[in-house]
């Protein structure tokens, strides 16, 4: 079955406490499981970085909700691609505390342009540098 993978970065409109992020993660996991969406979400303190994958209709519907979500501003889609394989097949939504990616996310957001290579670098760095639930906080 053909799938869609979409990677975006958005500016957070309000400070998010760890409790806020845990609640967002839990809600996203439940909703995504029902829609057969998988992916990963990173939060840098200023920006959200997210990769979502699933049936095109489900991904498009989720992006429509994100575009109107008051927690997100200036959503920049960095890439979309059709694929036959999920990158995050075991995660309905895995959260990564990604503060160390703030400057990279800022640059991607400021460019305002699709950049699949930059999008993949952000996701790879977010997910491969640490185990799920770990942190990319600067020391």
Protein backbone atom coordinates (compact mmCIF):
# COMPACT_ATOMS: atom_id res chain seq x y z
CA UNK A 1 0.00 0.00 0.00
CA UNK A 2 1.46 3.41 -0.94
CA UNK A 3 2.21 5.66 2.02
CA UNK A 4 2.99 9.33 2.46
CA UNK A 5 5.80 10.67 4.64
CA UNK A 6 5.77 14.36 5.57
CA UNK A 7 8.32 16.29 7.60
CA UNK A 8 7.61 19.79 8.88
CA UNK A 9 8.93 22.34 11.32
CA UNK A 10 6.73 24.90 13.09
CA UNK A 11 7.25 27.66 15.58
CA UNK A 12 5.80 26.94 19.02
CA UNK A 13 3.42 29.71 20.03
CA UNK A 14 3.60 29.18 23.77
CA UNK A 15 5.98 27.70 26.31
CA UNK A 16 5.39 24.00 26.83
CA UNK A 17 5.98 22.38 30.20
CA UNK A 18 7.04 18.74 30.43
CA UNK A 19 3.46 17.98 31.55
CA UNK A 20 2.05 19.74 28.44
CA UNK A 21 4.36 17.71 26.20
CA UNK A 22 3.47 14.43 27.93
CA UNK A 23 -0.22 15.17 27.45
CA UNK A 24 0.29 16.12 23.79
CA UNK A 25 2.30 12.95 23.22
CA UNK A 26 -0.35 10.73 24.83
CA UNK A 27 -3.16 12.33 22.82
CA UNK A 28 -1.14 12.06 19.60
CA UNK A 29 -0.35 8.40 20.21
CA UNK A 30 -4.01 7.49 20.70
CA UNK A 31 -5.25 9.47 17.72
CA UNK A 32 -2.46 8.30 15.43
CA UNK A 33 -3.00 4.66 16.36
CA UNK A 34 -6.66 4.96 15.31
CA UNK A 35 -5.61 6.53 11.99
CA UNK A 36 -2.68 4.13 11.41
CA UNK A 37 -0.22 7.04 11.46
CA UNK A 38 3.34 6.56 12.66
CA UNK A 39 6.09 9.09 13.23
CA UNK A 40 8.31 11.08 15.53
CA UNK A 41 7.93 14.47 17.18
CA UNK A 42 10.73 16.65 18.48
CA UNK A 43 10.45 19.84 20.52
CA UNK A 44 13.40 22.22 20.75
CA UNK A 45 11.88 24.75 23.12
CA UNK A 46 11.03 27.08 20.22
CA UNK A 47 10.17 24.69 17.40
CA UNK A 48 8.35 21.46 16.73
CA UNK A 49 9.95 19.04 14.24
CA UNK A 50 7.75 16.20 13.14
CA UNK A 51 7.75 13.33 10.71
CA UNK A 52 4.36 11.75 10.06
CA UNK A 53 3.65 8.79 7.82
CA UNK A 54 0.58 6.85 6.80
CA UNK A 55 -2.12 6.79 4.15
CA UNK A 56 -2.14 10.08 2.24
CA UNK A 57 -5.68 10.95 3.39
CA UNK A 58 -4.78 10.41 7.04
CA UNK A 59 -1.55 12.42 6.80
CA UNK A 60 -3.32 15.27 4.98
CA UNK A 61 -6.12 15.33 7.59
CA UNK A 62 -3.55 15.45 10.42
CA UNK A 63 -1.68 18.30 8.72
CA UNK A 64 -4.94 20.22 8.33
CA UNK A 65 -5.43 19.93 12.12
CA UNK A 66 -1.83 20.96 12.82
CA UNK A 67 -2.20 24.00 10.53
CA UNK A 68 -5.08 25.24 12.71
CA UNK A 69 -3.66 24.11 16.08
CA UNK A 70 -2.97 27.23 18.20
CA UNK A 71 0.25 25.64 19.55
CA UNK A 72 1.81 25.85 16.05
CA UNK A 73 2.59 28.92 13.95
CA UNK A 74 4.19 29.27 10.56
CA UNK A 75 4.17 25.56 9.69
CA UNK A 76 6.84 24.89 7.05
CA UNK A 77 6.58 21.59 5.20
CA UNK A 78 10.16 20.58 4.49
CA UNK A 79 9.33 17.52 2.41
CA UNK A 80 6.68 15.07 1.38
CA UNK A 81 7.34 11.81 -0.36
CA UNK A 82 5.56 8.65 -1.38
CA UNK A 83 7.01 5.47 0.07
CA UNK A 84 6.22 1.79 0.41
CA UNK A 85 7.92 1.47 3.81
CA UNK A 86 7.49 3.24 7.11
CA UNK A 87 10.57 4.63 8.80
CA UNK A 88 8.80 4.67 12.19
CA UNK A 89 6.75 1.49 11.88
CA UNK A 90 6.84 0.73 15.62
CA UNK A 91 5.92 4.19 16.88
CA UNK A 92 2.44 5.71 16.60
CA UNK A 93 4.24 8.85 17.77
CA UNK A 94 7.61 8.85 19.48
CA UNK A 95 8.59 12.03 21.30
CA UNK A 96 12.16 13.32 21.43
CA UNK A 97 13.33 16.20 23.61
CA UNK A 98 15.43 17.92 20.95
CA UNK A 99 16.76 21.16 22.44
CA UNK A 100 20.17 20.72 20.80
CA UNK A 101 18.47 20.92 17.38
CA UNK A 102 17.05 24.38 18.04
CA UNK A 103 19.44 26.24 15.74
CA UNK A 104 19.03 23.67 12.95
CA UNK A 105 15.24 23.88 13.29
CA UNK A 106 15.44 27.67 13.31
CA UNK A 107 17.42 27.70 10.05
CA UNK A 108 15.03 25.25 8.39
CA UNK A 109 12.05 27.29 9.57
CA UNK A 110 13.51 30.63 8.51
CA UNK A 111 14.28 29.36 5.01
CA UNK A 112 10.58 28.65 4.56
CA UNK A 113 11.42 26.29 1.71
CA UNK A 114 11.07 22.63 0.99
CA UNK A 115 14.42 20.98 1.57
CA UNK A 116 14.18 17.17 1.71
CA UNK A 117 17.87 16.72 2.51
CA UNK A 118 17.72 19.14 5.45
CA UNK A 119 14.47 17.54 6.63
CA UNK A 120 16.02 14.08 6.63
CA UNK A 121 19.13 15.35 8.45
CA UNK A 122 16.93 16.83 11.20
CA UNK A 123 14.95 13.61 11.62
CA UNK A 124 18.06 11.42 11.47
CA UNK A 125 19.89 13.51 14.05
CA UNK A 126 16.84 13.61 16.29
CA UNK A 127 16.21 9.86 16.17
CA UNK A 128 19.62 8.28 15.70
CA UNK A 129 21.64 10.28 18.17
CA UNK A 130 19.79 8.98 21.17
CA UNK A 131 17.40 6.26 22.23
CA UNK A 132 13.68 7.03 22.36
CA UNK A 133 12.89 8.96 25.51
CA UNK A 134 16.47 10.26 25.70
CA UNK A 135 17.41 13.89 25.41
CA UNK A 136 19.50 16.06 23.13
CA UNK A 137 19.88 18.79 25.78
CA UNK A 138 23.16 20.62 25.65
CA UNK A 139 25.29 20.01 28.70
